[in-house]
């Protein structure tokens, strides 16, 4: 379970960094899939409650 939580945390961090980099590069829209980001965020919230 710990490995899964670490992987999710790394994935969440990576998505945030990619989104920030795209914003800094001047993209008007984010290249990040919001459905995936929302799923990861919800899973991390659920895991933090446990």
N, C-alpha and C. Protein backbone atom coordinates (compact mmCIF):
# COMPACT_ATOMS: atom_id res chain seq x y z
N UNK A 1 0.82 -1.19 0.00
CA UNK A 1 0.00 0.00 0.00
C UNK A 1 0.87 1.26 0.00
N UNK A 2 1.98 1.21 0.73
CA UNK A 2 2.85 2.37 0.82
C UNK A 2 3.44 2.72 -0.54
N UNK A 3 3.80 1.71 -1.31
CA UNK A 3 4.37 1.95 -2.63
C UNK A 3 3.33 2.61 -3.53
N UNK A 4 2.10 2.15 -3.45
CA UNK A 4 1.03 2.73 -4.27
C UNK A 4 0.80 4.19 -3.90
N UNK A 5 0.83 4.51 -2.62
CA UNK A 5 0.65 5.89 -2.19
C UNK A 5 1.80 6.77 -2.67
N UNK A 6 3.01 6.26 -2.60
CA UNK A 6 4.17 7.02 -3.07
C UNK A 6 4.08 7.27 -4.57
N UNK A 7 3.68 6.25 -5.32
CA UNK A 7 3.55 6.40 -6.77
C UNK A 7 2.48 7.42 -7.11
N UNK A 8 1.35 7.38 -6.40
CA UNK A 8 0.29 8.36 -6.63
C UNK A 8 0.77 9.77 -6.30
N UNK A 9 1.50 9.91 -5.21
CA UNK A 9 2.03 11.22 -4.83
C UNK A 9 3.01 11.74 -5.89
N UNK A 10 3.87 10.87 -6.38
CA UNK A 10 4.81 11.28 -7.44
C UNK A 10 4.08 11.66 -8.71
N UNK A 11 3.05 10.90 -9.05
CA UNK A 11 2.27 11.19 -10.25
C UNK A 11 1.54 12.52 -10.10
N UNK A 12 0.98 12.76 -8.94
CA UNK A 12 0.29 14.03 -8.67
C UNK A 12 1.27 15.20 -8.78
N UNK A 13 2.44 15.04 -8.20
CA UNK A 13 3.46 16.09 -8.25
C UNK A 13 3.92 16.33 -9.69
N UNK A 14 4.12 15.26 -10.45
CA UNK A 14 4.55 15.37 -11.83
C UNK A 14 3.51 16.12 -12.67
N UNK A 15 2.24 15.81 -12.47
CA UNK A 15 1.18 16.49 -13.22
C UNK A 15 1.16 17.98 -12.88
N UNK A 16 1.34 18.31 -11.61
CA UNK A 16 1.36 19.72 -11.22
C UNK A 16 2.54 20.45 -11.84
N UNK A 17 3.70 19.79 -11.89
CA UNK A 17 4.88 20.41 -12.48
C UNK A 17 4.70 20.61 -13.98
N UNK A 18 4.13 19.62 -14.65
CA UNK A 18 3.89 19.75 -16.10
C UNK A 18 2.90 20.86 -16.39
N UNK A 19 1.86 20.97 -15.56
CA UNK A 19 0.88 22.02 -15.74
C UNK A 19 1.51 23.40 -15.53
N UNK A 20 2.33 23.52 -14.50
CA UNK A 20 3.00 24.79 -14.24
C UNK A 20 3.97 25.14 -15.37
N UNK A 21 4.71 24.15 -15.87
CA UNK A 21 5.65 24.40 -16.96
C UNK A 21 4.92 24.84 -18.22
N UNK A 22 3.79 24.23 -18.51
CA UNK A 22 3.01 24.62 -19.68
C UNK A 22 2.52 26.06 -19.53
N UNK A 23 2.11 26.42 -18.30
CA UNK A 23 1.66 27.79 -18.06
C UNK A 23 2.80 28.77 -18.28
N UNK A 24 3.99 28.42 -17.79
CA UNK A 24 5.15 29.29 -17.95
C UNK A 24 5.59 29.39 -19.41
N UNK A 25 5.37 28.33 -20.18
CA UNK A 25 5.73 28.34 -21.59
C UNK A 25 4.73 29.12 -22.44
N UNK A 26 3.63 29.53 -21.81
CA UNK A 26 2.69 30.39 -22.51
C UNK A 26 1.51 29.69 -23.14
N UNK A 27 1.29 28.43 -22.81
CA UNK A 27 0.14 27.73 -23.36
C UNK A 27 -1.14 28.27 -22.74
N UNK A 28 -2.15 28.48 -23.57
CA UNK A 28 -3.43 29.00 -23.07
C UNK A 28 -4.23 27.89 -22.39
N UNK A 29 -4.12 26.68 -22.91
CA UNK A 29 -4.83 25.56 -22.30
C UNK A 29 -3.81 24.56 -21.77
N UNK A 30 -4.22 23.83 -20.76
CA UNK A 30 -3.31 22.87 -20.13
C UNK A 30 -3.28 21.56 -20.91
N UNK A 31 -2.09 20.98 -21.10
CA UNK A 31 -2.00 19.69 -21.78
C UNK A 31 -2.34 18.51 -20.86
N UNK A 32 -2.68 18.79 -19.62
CA UNK A 32 -2.96 17.76 -18.62
C UNK A 32 -4.40 17.27 -18.78
N UNK A 33 -4.59 15.97 -18.71
CA UNK A 33 -5.92 15.39 -18.76
C UNK A 33 -6.58 15.61 -17.39
N UNK A 34 -7.60 16.46 -17.36
CA UNK A 34 -8.22 16.81 -16.08
C UNK A 34 -8.93 15.64 -15.43
N UNK A 35 -9.48 14.72 -16.22
CA UNK A 35 -10.16 13.56 -15.63
C UNK A 35 -9.16 12.71 -14.85
N UNK A 36 -7.98 12.49 -15.41
CA UNK A 36 -6.93 11.73 -14.73
C UNK A 36 -6.47 12.46 -13.47
N UNK A 37 -6.28 13.76 -13.60
CA UNK A 37 -5.83 14.56 -12.45
C UNK A 37 -6.85 14.50 -11.32
N UNK A 38 -8.12 14.60 -11.65
CA UNK A 38 -9.17 14.53 -10.63
C UNK A 38 -9.21 13.17 -9.95
N UNK A 39 -9.05 12.10 -10.73
CA UNK A 39 -9.03 10.76 -10.14
C UNK A 39 -7.87 10.59 -9.17
N UNK A 40 -6.70 11.06 -9.57
CA UNK A 40 -5.52 10.96 -8.71
C UNK A 40 -5.73 11.79 -7.44
N UNK A 41 -6.27 12.98 -7.59
CA UNK A 41 -6.51 13.84 -6.44
C UNK A 41 -7.50 13.21 -5.48
N UNK A 42 -8.57 12.63 -6.00
CA UNK A 42 -9.57 11.98 -5.15
C UNK A 42 -8.97 10.77 -4.43
N UNK A 43 -8.17 9.98 -5.13
CA UNK A 43 -7.53 8.83 -4.50
C UNK A 43 -6.58 9.26 -3.38
N UNK A 44 -5.83 10.31 -3.62
CA UNK A 44 -4.91 10.80 -2.61
C UNK A 44 -5.66 11.35 -1.39
N UNK A 45 -6.78 12.03 -1.61
CA UNK A 45 -7.59 12.53 -0.51
C UNK A 45 -8.14 11.37 0.32
N UNK A 46 -8.61 10.34 -0.36
CA UNK A 46 -9.13 9.16 0.35
C UNK A 46 -8.03 8.47 1.14
N UNK A 47 -6.85 8.39 0.55
CA UNK A 47 -5.74 7.72 1.23
C UNK A 47 -5.28 8.53 2.44
N UNK A 48 -5.35 9.84 2.35
CA UNK A 48 -4.93 10.68 3.48
C UNK A 48 -5.90 10.56 4.65
N UNK A 49 -7.16 10.25 4.36
CA UNK A 49 -8.15 10.10 5.42
C UNK A 49 -7.99 8.82 6.20
N UNK A 50 -7.37 7.83 5.58
CA UNK A 50 -7.22 6.52 6.22
C UNK A 50 -6.17 6.56 7.31
